[in-house]
Amino acid sequence: MKIALVSCTKLKANYPCSTREMYQESTLFNKAVKFIEQKNYDEWYVLSAKYGL
């Protein structure tokens, strides 16, 4: 099983939404998710200083 961790970003959506939508303004986050999808990871999580894993 392959699991990926992605760091959070400073800019976040200020309304309830999916993880992918919450960090959509970040180029680095988008590139990380694209890489994870290309490499067929089984699961991925965001590591956030504010919210934890």
N, C-alpha and C. Protein backbone atom coordinates (compact mmCIF):
# COMPACT_ATOMS: atom_id res chain seq x y z
N MET A 1 0.85 -1.17 0.00
CA MET A 1 0.00 0.00 0.00
C MET A 1 0.90 1.24 0.00
N LYS A 2 0.63 2.15 -0.93
CA LYS A 2 1.40 3.40 -1.02
C LYS A 2 0.55 4.54 -0.48
N ILE A 3 1.11 5.26 0.50
CA ILE A 3 0.43 6.39 1.12
C ILE A 3 1.30 7.63 0.95
N ALA A 4 0.68 8.75 0.60
CA ALA A 4 1.41 10.00 0.41
C ALA A 4 0.95 11.04 1.43
N LEU A 5 1.89 11.88 1.85
CA LEU A 5 1.59 13.02 2.70
C LEU A 5 1.87 14.29 1.92
N VAL A 6 0.94 15.22 1.96
CA VAL A 6 1.08 16.50 1.28
C VAL A 6 0.99 17.59 2.34
N SER A 7 1.88 18.56 2.25
CA SER A 7 1.83 19.65 3.23
C SER A 7 0.68 20.60 2.90
N CYS A 8 0.17 21.22 3.94
CA CYS A 8 -0.90 22.19 3.74
C CYS A 8 -0.30 23.49 3.20
N THR A 9 -1.16 24.43 2.90
CA THR A 9 -0.71 25.73 2.41
C THR A 9 -1.35 26.83 3.26
N LYS A 10 -0.81 28.00 3.14
CA LYS A 10 -1.32 29.12 3.92
C LYS A 10 -2.73 29.52 3.48
N LEU A 11 -2.96 29.53 2.17
CA LEU A 11 -4.27 29.91 1.65
C LEU A 11 -5.21 28.72 1.67
N LYS A 12 -6.35 28.93 2.28
CA LYS A 12 -7.37 27.88 2.35
C LYS A 12 -8.73 28.50 2.05
N ALA A 13 -9.62 27.69 1.52
CA ALA A 13 -11.00 28.15 1.32
C ALA A 13 -11.62 28.36 2.70
N ASN A 14 -12.50 29.33 2.82
CA ASN A 14 -13.11 29.64 4.13
C ASN A 14 -14.55 29.13 4.23
N TYR A 15 -14.83 28.03 3.58
CA TYR A 15 -16.15 27.41 3.62
C TYR A 15 -15.97 25.89 3.60
N PRO A 16 -16.93 25.13 4.07
CA PRO A 16 -16.81 23.68 4.06
C PRO A 16 -16.68 23.15 2.63
N CYS A 17 -15.66 22.33 2.38
CA CYS A 17 -15.44 21.79 1.04
C CYS A 17 -14.50 20.59 1.11
N SER A 18 -14.27 19.97 -0.01
CA SER A 18 -13.35 18.84 -0.08
C SER A 18 -11.92 19.33 0.07
N THR A 19 -11.04 18.43 0.41
CA THR A 19 -9.62 18.77 0.58
C THR A 19 -9.05 19.34 -0.70
N ARG A 20 -9.34 18.71 -1.80
CA ARG A 20 -8.82 19.16 -3.09
C ARG A 20 -9.27 20.60 -3.39
N GLU A 21 -10.49 20.92 -3.06
CA GLU A 21 -11.01 22.27 -3.31
C GLU A 21 -10.45 23.28 -2.31
N MET A 22 -10.22 22.86 -1.08
CA MET A 22 -9.76 23.77 -0.04
C MET A 22 -8.42 24.41 -0.38
N TYR A 23 -7.52 23.65 -0.99
CA TYR A 23 -6.18 24.15 -1.28
C TYR A 23 -5.96 24.44 -2.76
N GLN A 24 -7.01 24.62 -3.54
CA GLN A 24 -6.89 24.74 -4.99
C GLN A 24 -6.06 25.94 -5.46
N GLU A 25 -5.91 26.95 -4.64
CA GLU A 25 -5.15 28.14 -5.05
C GLU A 25 -3.64 27.91 -5.05
N SER A 26 -3.20 26.82 -4.45
CA SER A 26 -1.77 26.54 -4.33
C SER A 26 -1.24 25.74 -5.52
N THR A 27 -0.28 26.30 -6.22
CA THR A 27 0.35 25.61 -7.34
C THR A 27 1.09 24.37 -6.85
N LEU A 28 1.82 24.49 -5.74
CA LEU A 28 2.56 23.36 -5.20
C LEU A 28 1.62 22.22 -4.80
N PHE A 29 0.52 22.54 -4.14
CA PHE A 29 -0.45 21.52 -3.75
C PHE A 29 -1.01 20.82 -4.98
N ASN A 30 -1.38 21.58 -5.99
CA ASN A 30 -1.92 20.99 -7.22
C ASN A 30 -0.91 20.07 -7.90
N LYS A 31 0.35 20.47 -7.92
CA LYS A 31 1.40 19.63 -8.51
C LYS A 31 1.59 18.35 -7.70
N ALA A 32 1.54 18.46 -6.39
CA ALA A 32 1.70 17.29 -5.54
C ALA A 32 0.56 16.29 -5.77
N VAL A 33 -0.67 16.77 -5.84
CA VAL A 33 -1.82 15.90 -6.07
C VAL A 33 -1.72 15.25 -7.45
N LYS A 34 -1.30 16.01 -8.44
CA LYS A 34 -1.14 15.45 -9.79
C LYS A 34 -0.10 14.34 -9.78
N PHE A 35 1.02 14.55 -9.09
CA PHE A 35 2.06 13.53 -8.99
C PHE A 35 1.52 12.27 -8.30
N ILE A 36 0.81 12.47 -7.20
CA ILE A 36 0.24 11.34 -6.45
C ILE A 36 -0.71 10.54 -7.34
N GLU A 37 -1.52 11.21 -8.11
CA GLU A 37 -2.46 10.52 -9.00
C GLU A 37 -1.73 9.78 -10.12
N GLN A 38 -0.67 10.36 -10.65
CA GLN A 38 0.10 9.72 -11.72
C GLN A 38 0.81 8.46 -11.22
N LYS A 39 1.25 8.48 -9.97
CA LYS A 39 1.99 7.35 -9.40
C LYS A 39 1.08 6.32 -8.75
N ASN A 40 -0.22 6.52 -8.85
CA ASN A 40 -1.22 5.57 -8.35
C ASN A 40 -1.07 5.23 -6.87
N TYR A 41 -0.96 6.25 -6.05
CA TYR A 41 -0.95 6.04 -4.60
C TYR A 41 -2.34 5.56 -4.17
N ASP A 42 -2.37 4.73 -3.15
CA ASP A 42 -3.64 4.20 -2.66
C ASP A 42 -4.42 5.25 -1.87
N GLU A 43 -3.71 6.02 -1.06
CA GLU A 43 -4.33 7.05 -0.25
C GLU A 43 -3.37 8.23 -0.12
N TRP A 44 -3.94 9.41 0.16
CA TRP A 44 -3.09 10.56 0.46
C TRP A 44 -3.77 11.43 1.50
N TYR A 45 -2.92 12.07 2.30
CA TYR A 45 -3.39 12.88 3.42
C TYR A 45 -2.67 14.22 3.42
N VAL A 46 -3.34 15.22 3.96
CA VAL A 46 -2.73 16.54 4.12
C VAL A 46 -2.22 16.66 5.55
N LEU A 47 -0.97 17.06 5.69
CA LEU A 47 -0.38 17.29 6.99
C LEU A 47 -0.46 18.79 7.28
N SER A 48 -1.30 19.16 8.22
CA SER A 48 -1.58 20.57 8.51
C SER A 48 -1.09 20.93 9.91
N ALA A 49 -0.45 22.07 10.04
CA ALA A 49 -0.02 22.55 11.35
C ALA A 49 -1.23 22.89 12.23
N LYS A 50 -2.30 23.33 11.62
CA LYS A 50 -3.49 23.73 12.37
C LYS A 50 -4.41 22.54 12.68
N TYR A 51 -4.60 21.65 11.72
CA TYR A 51 -5.57 20.56 11.87
C TYR A 51 -4.95 19.19 12.11
N GLY A 52 -3.66 19.07 11.95
CA GLY A 52 -3.01 17.77 12.10
C GLY A 52 -3.10 16.98 10.80
N LEU A 53 -3.17 15.68 10.91
CA LEU A 53 -3.22 14.82 9.72
C LEU A 53 -4.64 14.67 9.23
